Amino acid sequence: MNLTETALSGAFIIDLTVMTDERGGFARTFDRDTFAAHGLNPGAVQANLSFNHRAGTLRGLHYQLPPAAETKLVRCTRGAILDVIVDLRPQSPTYLQHVAVELTADNRRALFVPEQFAHGYQALTDGAEVTYQVSAAYTPGSERGLRHDDPALGITWPLPVTVISSKDAAWPLLADRDDLPRPAPAAPNALEVSR
């Protein structure tokens, strides 16, 4: 297994090392010690499966607030998706930036999503199936979301959105909300003289 950090610190793409022989192939999809060596806490509390009937279906962008904040390990086991994560850590230099990764049954790639990241995806094929290991139980009162089409995020989805839940379509735009953690104001330059 090969872990590659994305442009968003703490978020990793996981590619498998497949051993093959006349029977087929074998690969380790998770190793606690390997994840820990990269500073990742993938402790799974729940495992989830989503199935998407139509290409263009969009789910997300979801996150949970502390104390129910969660990490996710996401893998597409049938078909293909474009998986998108958004950094919501106010202290991060990549705050509100996103990364998009194509996960397919053929590439067997996974994405590790840290706490304080919004996560969503678009099905690129009919019948796309996605598995998630999550580190915290789903807590409805802690769930929040970002709009997939928020111009402030600048996410380009590859297909027209064919199906989306009414809840996901109704998340407020960033410009209309005050519930997101915001970066602390920059400290004054120590060389400036107060007047």
C-alpha atoms as a PDB file:
ATOM      1  CA  MET A   1       0.000   0.000   0.000  1.00  0.00           C
ATOM      2  CA  ASN A   2       1.342   3.421  -0.968  1.00  0.00           C
ATOM      3  CA  LEU A   3       0.101   6.580   0.794  1.00  0.00           C
ATOM      4  CA  THR A   4       0.546   9.895  -1.034  1.00  0.00           C
ATOM      5  CA  GLU A   5      -0.329  13.147   0.705  1.00  0.00           C
ATOM      6  CA  THR A   6      -2.492  15.507  -1.355  1.00  0.00           C
ATOM      7  CA  ALA A   7      -2.083  19.276  -1.572  1.00  0.00           C
ATOM      8  CA  LEU A   8      -4.309  19.413   1.538  1.00  0.00           C
ATOM      9  CA  SER A   9      -2.145  18.415   4.498  1.00  0.00           C
ATOM     10  CA  GLY A  10      -3.361  15.267   6.237  1.00  0.00           C
ATOM     11  CA  ALA A  11      -5.469  14.024   3.299  1.00  0.00           C
ATOM     12  CA  PHE A  12      -3.953  11.004   1.569  1.00  0.00           C
ATOM     13  CA  ILE A  13      -4.539   8.983  -1.586  1.00  0.00           C
ATOM     14  CA  ILE A  14      -4.035   5.275  -0.929  1.00  0.00           C
ATOM     15  CA  ASP A  15      -2.898   3.150  -3.863  1.00  0.00           C
ATOM     16  CA  LEU A  16      -2.665  -0.604  -3.481  1.00  0.00           C
ATOM     17  CA  THR A  17       0.353  -2.795  -4.050  1.00  0.00           C
ATOM     18  CA  VAL A  18      -1.187  -5.807  -5.774  1.00  0.00           C
ATOM     19  CA  MET A  19       0.538  -9.198  -5.737  1.00  0.00           C
ATOM     20  CA  THR A  20      -0.629 -11.385  -8.596  1.00  0.00           C
ATOM     21  CA  ASP A  21      -0.315 -15.021  -9.560  1.00  0.00           C
ATOM     22  CA  GLU A  22      -2.340 -17.559 -11.530  1.00  0.00           C
ATOM     23  CA  ARG A  23      -5.241 -17.230  -9.063  1.00  0.00           C
ATOM     24  CA  GLY A  24      -5.596 -13.468  -9.488  1.00  0.00           C
ATOM     25  CA  GLY A  25      -4.431 -10.802  -7.066  1.00  0.00           C
ATOM     26  CA  PHE A  26      -4.142  -9.845  -3.421  1.00  0.00           C
ATOM     27  CA  ALA A  27      -3.661  -6.450  -1.780  1.00  0.00           C
ATOM     28  CA  ARG A  28      -3.832  -5.072   1.729  1.00  0.00           C
ATOM     29  CA  THR A  29      -6.389  -2.248   1.801  1.00  0.00           C
ATOM     30  CA  PHE A  30      -5.763  -1.109   5.364  1.00  0.00           C
ATOM     31  CA  ASP A  31      -2.919  -1.384   7.866  1.00  0.00           C
ATOM     32  CA  ARG A  32      -3.248   0.385  11.217  1.00  0.00           C
ATOM     33  CA  ASP A  33       0.527   0.659  11.688  1.00  0.00           C
ATOM     34  CA  THR A  34       1.092   2.157   8.215  1.00  0.00           C
ATOM     35  CA  PHE A  35      -1.633   4.712   8.808  1.00  0.00           C
ATOM     36  CA  ALA A  36      -0.244   5.564  12.261  1.00  0.00           C
ATOM     37  CA  ALA A  37       3.245   6.024  10.758  1.00  0.00           C
ATOM     38  CA  HIS A  38       1.725   8.766   8.555  1.00  0.00           C
ATOM     39  CA  GLY A  39      -0.001  10.396  11.544  1.00  0.00           C
ATOM     40  CA  LEU A  40      -3.463   9.210  10.517  1.00  0.00           C
ATOM     41  CA  ASN A  41      -6.196   8.143  12.913  1.00  0.00           C
ATOM     42  CA  PRO A  42      -8.460   5.859  10.897  1.00  0.00           C
ATOM     43  CA  GLY A  43     -10.173   4.199  13.884  1.00  0.00           C
ATOM     44  CA  ALA A  44     -13.334   2.798  12.315  1.00  0.00           C
ATOM     45  CA  VAL A  45     -16.549   3.065  14.325  1.00  0.00           C
ATOM     46  CA  GLN A  46     -18.893   2.508  11.373  1.00  0.00           C
ATOM     47  CA  ALA A  47     -18.620   1.130   7.853  1.00  0.00           C
ATOM     48  CA  ASN A  48     -21.074   2.461   5.277  1.00  0.00           C
ATOM     49  CA  LEU A  49     -22.051   1.600   1.712  1.00  0.00           C
ATOM     50  CA  SER A  50     -23.774   3.891  -0.776  1.00  0.00           C
ATOM     51  CA  PHE A  51     -25.190   2.812  -4.117  1.00  0.00           C
ATOM     52  CA  ASN A  52     -25.975   5.285  -6.871  1.00  0.00           C
ATOM     53  CA  HIS A  53     -28.377   4.376  -9.649  1.00  0.00           C
ATOM     54  CA  ARG A  54     -27.440   7.095 -12.138  1.00  0.00           C
ATOM     55  CA  ALA A  55     -24.292   8.781 -13.359  1.00  0.00           C
ATOM     56  CA  GLY A  56     -24.349  12.421 -12.299  1.00  0.00           C
ATOM     57  CA  THR A  57     -25.740  11.644  -8.830  1.00  0.00           C
ATOM     58  CA  LEU A  58     -24.122  13.959  -6.299  1.00  0.00           C
ATOM     59  CA  ARG A  59     -23.777  13.322  -2.568  1.00  0.00           C
ATOM     60  CA  GLY A  60     -22.432  15.949  -0.194  1.00  0.00           C
ATOM     61  CA  LEU A  61     -20.501  17.937   0.705  1.00  0.00           C
ATOM     62  CA  HIS A  62     -20.889  16.664   4.306  1.00  0.00           C
ATOM     63  CA  TYR A  63     -19.002  17.046   7.580  1.00  0.00           C
ATOM     64  CA  GLN A  64     -19.722  16.628  11.285  1.00  0.00           C
ATOM     65  CA  LEU A  65     -18.951  19.080  14.074  1.00  0.00           C
ATOM     66  CA  PRO A  66     -16.985  18.117  17.197  1.00  0.00           C
ATOM     67  CA  PRO A  67     -17.369  16.109  19.323  1.00  0.00           C
ATOM     68  CA  ALA A  68     -18.680  13.937  16.459  1.00  0.00           C
ATOM     69  CA  ALA A  69     -16.024  15.055  13.918  1.00  0.00           C
ATOM     70  CA  GLU A  70     -14.963  12.101  11.797  1.00  0.00           C
ATOM     71  CA  THR A  71     -12.248  10.816   9.532  1.00  0.00           C
ATOM     72  CA  LYS A  72     -13.270   8.791   6.479  1.00  0.00           C
ATOM     73  CA  LEU A  73     -11.569   6.172   4.368  1.00  0.00           C
ATOM     74  CA  VAL A  74     -13.473   6.150   1.060  1.00  0.00           C
ATOM     75  CA  ARG A  75     -13.198   3.591  -1.749  1.00  0.00           C
ATOM     76  CA  CYS A  76     -15.262   3.012  -4.904  1.00  0.00           C
ATOM     77  CA  THR A  77     -15.964  -0.713  -5.254  1.00  0.00           C
ATOM     78  CA  ARG A  78     -18.133  -0.589  -8.374  1.00  0.00           C
ATOM     79  CA  GLY A  79     -18.086   1.898 -11.237  1.00  0.00           C
ATOM     80  CA  ALA A  80     -16.400   5.279 -10.775  1.00  0.00           C
ATOM     81  CA  ILE A  81     -16.774   8.511  -8.791  1.00  0.00           C
ATOM     82  CA  LEU A  82     -15.113  11.892  -8.513  1.00  0.00           C
ATOM     83  CA  ASP A  83     -14.448  12.326  -4.788  1.00  0.00           C
ATOM     84  CA  VAL A  84     -14.027  15.908  -3.522  1.00  0.00           C
ATOM     85  CA  ILE A  85     -12.835  17.142  -0.135  1.00  0.00           C
ATOM     86  CA  VAL A  86     -12.742  20.713   1.212  1.00  0.00           C
ATOM     87  CA  ASP A  87     -10.412  21.837   4.007  1.00  0.00           C
ATOM     88  CA  LEU A  88     -12.421  23.462   6.819  1.00  0.00           C
ATOM     89  CA  ARG A  89      -9.566  23.823   9.324  1.00  0.00           C
ATOM     90  CA  PRO A  90      -9.479  27.567  10.094  1.00  0.00           C
ATOM     91  CA  GLN A  91      -5.762  27.460  10.994  1.00  0.00           C
ATOM     92  CA  SER A  92      -4.833  25.720   7.725  1.00  0.00           C
ATOM     93  CA  PRO A  93      -3.059  27.560   4.884  1.00  0.00           C
ATOM     94  CA  THR A  94      -5.393  25.644   2.524  1.00  0.00           C
ATOM     95  CA  TYR A  95      -8.623  26.685   4.303  1.00  0.00           C
ATOM     96  CA  LEU A  96     -11.615  26.325   1.914  1.00  0.00           C
ATOM     97  CA  GLN A  97      -9.442  24.798  -0.827  1.00  0.00           C
ATOM     98  CA  HIS A  98     -10.416  21.472  -2.330  1.00  0.00           C
ATOM     99  CA  VAL A  99      -8.910  18.387  -3.908  1.00  0.00           C
ATOM    100  CA  ALA A 100     -10.704  16.074  -6.351  1.00  0.00           C
ATOM    101  CA  VAL A 101      -9.663  12.444  -6.840  1.00  0.00           C
ATOM    102  CA  GLU A 102     -11.122   9.905  -9.237  1.00  0.00           C
ATOM    103  CA  LEU A 103     -11.837   6.654  -7.415  1.00  0.00           C
ATOM    104  CA  THR A 104     -12.822   3.653  -9.522  1.00  0.00           C
ATOM    105  CA  ALA A 105     -13.329  -0.054  -9.085  1.00  0.00           C
ATOM    106  CA  ASP A 106     -10.514  -0.530 -11.613  1.00  0.00           C
ATOM    107  CA  ASN A 107      -7.901   1.724  -9.982  1.00  0.00           C
ATOM    108  CA  ARG A 108      -8.814   0.444  -6.484  1.00  0.00           C
ATOM    109  CA  ARG A 109      -7.651   3.782  -5.075  1.00  0.00           C
ATOM    110  CA  ALA A 110      -8.928   5.113  -1.735  1.00  0.00           C
ATOM    111  CA  LEU A 111      -8.973   8.556  -0.155  1.00  0.00           C
ATOM    112  CA  PHE A 112      -8.322   9.263   3.520  1.00  0.00           C
ATOM    113  CA  VAL A 113     -10.348  12.295   4.638  1.00  0.00           C
ATOM    114  CA  PRO A 114      -9.194  13.947   7.900  1.00  0.00           C
ATOM    115  CA  GLU A 115     -11.429  15.540  10.521  1.00  0.00           C
ATOM    116  CA  GLN A 116     -12.619  19.064   9.704  1.00  0.00           C
ATOM    117  CA  PHE A 117     -12.963  18.337   5.994  1.00  0.00           C
ATOM    118  CA  ALA A 118     -16.189  18.389   4.004  1.00  0.00           C
ATOM    119  CA  HIS A 119     -16.594  15.384   1.726  1.00  0.00           C
ATOM    120  CA  GLY A 120     -18.757  14.662  -1.281  1.00  0.00           C
ATOM    121  CA  TYR A 121     -18.698  12.866  -4.595  1.00  0.00           C
ATOM    122  CA  GLN A 122     -20.337  12.577  -7.971  1.00  0.00           C
ATOM    123  CA  ALA A 123     -21.088   9.209  -9.564  1.00  0.00           C
ATOM    124  CA  LEU A 124     -19.365   9.031 -12.951  1.00  0.00           C
ATOM    125  CA  THR A 125     -21.091   5.777 -13.928  1.00  0.00           C
ATOM    126  CA  ASP A 126     -24.491   4.226 -13.429  1.00  0.00           C
ATOM    127  CA  GLY A 127     -24.449   1.815 -10.497  1.00  0.00           C
ATOM    128  CA  ALA A 128     -21.444   3.363  -8.718  1.00  0.00           C
ATOM    129  CA  GLU A 129     -20.952   1.848  -5.268  1.00  0.00           C
ATOM    130  CA  VAL A 130     -18.882   3.458  -2.505  1.00  0.00           C
ATOM    131  CA  THR A 131     -17.703   2.144   0.867  1.00  0.00           C
ATOM    132  CA  TYR A 132     -16.670   4.342   3.794  1.00  0.00           C
ATOM    133  CA  GLN A 133     -14.975   3.540   7.062  1.00  0.00           C
ATOM    134  CA  VAL A 134     -15.731   6.388   9.468  1.00  0.00           C
ATOM    135  CA  SER A 135     -14.186   7.150  12.857  1.00  0.00           C
ATOM    136  CA  ALA A 136     -17.331   8.508  14.542  1.00  0.00           C
ATOM    137  CA  ALA A 137     -20.956   7.468  14.566  1.00  0.00           C
ATOM    138  CA  TYR A 138     -23.350   9.424  12.376  1.00  0.00           C
ATOM    139  CA  THR A 139     -24.797  12.156  14.597  1.00  0.00           C
ATOM    140  CA  PRO A 140     -27.684  14.006  12.891  1.00  0.00           C
ATOM    141  CA  GLY A 141     -27.447  17.074  15.153  1.00  0.00           C
ATOM    142  CA  SER A 142     -23.756  17.474  14.295  1.00  0.00           C
ATOM    143  CA  GLU A 143     -24.081  17.078  10.525  1.00  0.00           C
ATOM    144  CA  ARG A 144     -23.444  20.091   8.330  1.00  0.00           C
ATOM    145  CA  GLY A 145     -22.766  20.626   4.664  1.00  0.00           C
ATOM    146  CA  LEU A 146     -21.486  22.864   1.921  1.00  0.00           C
ATOM    147  CA  ARG A 147     -23.258  23.524  -1.370  1.00  0.00           C
ATOM    148  CA  HIS A 148     -21.736  21.580  -4.243  1.00  0.00           C
ATOM    149  CA  ASP A 149     -22.210  24.574  -6.558  1.00  0.00           C
ATOM    150  CA  ASP A 150     -21.001  27.317  -4.205  1.00  0.00           C
ATOM    151  CA  PRO A 151     -19.026  29.743  -6.404  1.00  0.00           C
ATOM    152  CA  ALA A 152     -16.732  30.521  -3.446  1.00  0.00           C
ATOM    153  CA  LEU A 153     -15.460  26.912  -3.582  1.00  0.00           C
ATOM    154  CA  GLY A 154     -14.948  26.799  -7.354  1.00  0.00           C
ATOM    155  CA  ILE A 155     -15.506  23.041  -7.681  1.00  0.00           C
ATOM    156  CA  THR A 156     -15.904  21.792 -11.248  1.00  0.00           C
ATOM    157  CA  TRP A 157     -18.027  18.658 -11.401  1.00  0.00           C
ATOM    158  CA  PRO A 158     -17.475  16.610 -14.562  1.00  0.00           C
ATOM    159  CA  LEU A 159     -21.144  15.804 -15.257  1.00  0.00           C
ATOM    160  CA  PRO A 160     -24.409  17.691 -14.955  1.00  0.00           C
ATOM    161  CA  VAL A 161     -26.018  16.899 -11.586  1.00  0.00           C
ATOM    162  CA  THR A 162     -28.807  14.419 -12.333  1.00  0.00           C
ATOM    163  CA  VAL A 163     -29.821  13.501  -8.765  1.00  0.00           C
ATOM    164  CA  ILE A 164     -29.191  15.300  -5.458  1.00  0.00           C
ATOM    165  CA  SER A 165     -31.043  15.177  -2.144  1.00  0.00           C
ATOM    166  CA  SER A 166     -33.148  18.171  -1.189  1.00  0.00           C
ATOM    167  CA  LYS A 167     -30.988  18.577   1.940  1.00  0.00           C
ATOM    168  CA  ASP A 168     -27.757  18.720  -0.085  1.00  0.00           C
ATOM    169  CA  ALA A 169     -29.270  21.161  -2.578  1.00  0.00           C
ATOM    170  CA  ALA A 170     -30.361  23.483   0.247  1.00  0.00           C
ATOM    171  CA  TRP A 171     -27.105  24.003   2.172  1.00  0.00           C
ATOM    172  CA  PRO A 172     -26.514  27.774   2.355  1.00  0.00           C
ATOM    173  CA  LEU A 173     -23.791  29.449   0.324  1.00  0.00           C
ATOM    174  CA  LEU A 174     -20.636  30.459   2.187  1.00  0.00           C
ATOM    175  CA  ALA A 175     -21.487  34.132   1.667  1.00  0.00           C
ATOM    176  CA  ASP A 176     -24.780  33.616   3.554  1.00  0.00           C
ATOM    177  CA  ARG A 177     -23.508  31.769   6.606  1.00  0.00           C
ATOM    178  CA  ASP A 178     -21.711  32.567   9.795  1.00  0.00           C
ATOM    179  CA  ASP A 179     -21.480  29.086  11.318  1.00  0.00           C
ATOM    180  CA  LEU A 180     -18.163  28.025   9.761  1.00  0.00           C
ATOM    181  CA  PRO A 181     -14.983  28.398  11.757  1.00  0.00           C
ATOM    182  CA  ARG A 182     -13.017  31.313  10.328  1.00  0.00           C
ATOM    183  CA  PRO A 183      -9.268  31.859  10.299  1.00  0.00           C
ATOM    184  CA  ALA A 184      -7.988  34.083  13.094  1.00  0.00           C
ATOM    185  CA  PRO A 185      -7.144  37.598  11.940  1.00  0.00           C
ATOM    186  CA  ALA A 186      -3.495  38.038  11.081  1.00  0.00           C
ATOM    187  CA  ALA A 187      -1.390  39.358  13.936  1.00  0.00           C
ATOM    188  CA  PRO A 188      -0.060  42.863  13.385  1.00  0.00           C
ATOM    189  CA  ASN A 189       3.404  43.016  11.935  1.00  0.00           C
ATOM    190  CA  ALA A 190       5.843  43.257  14.845  1.00  0.00           C
ATOM    191  CA  LEU A 191       7.850  45.886  12.955  1.00  0.00           C
ATOM    192  CA  GLU A 192       4.920  48.268  12.669  1.00  0.00           C
ATOM    193  CA  VAL A 193       4.771  51.150  15.084  1.00  0.00           C
ATOM    194  CA  SER A 194       1.466  51.701  16.815  1.00  0.00           C
ATOM    195  CA  ARG A 195       0.274  55.322  16.427  1.00  0.00           C
END
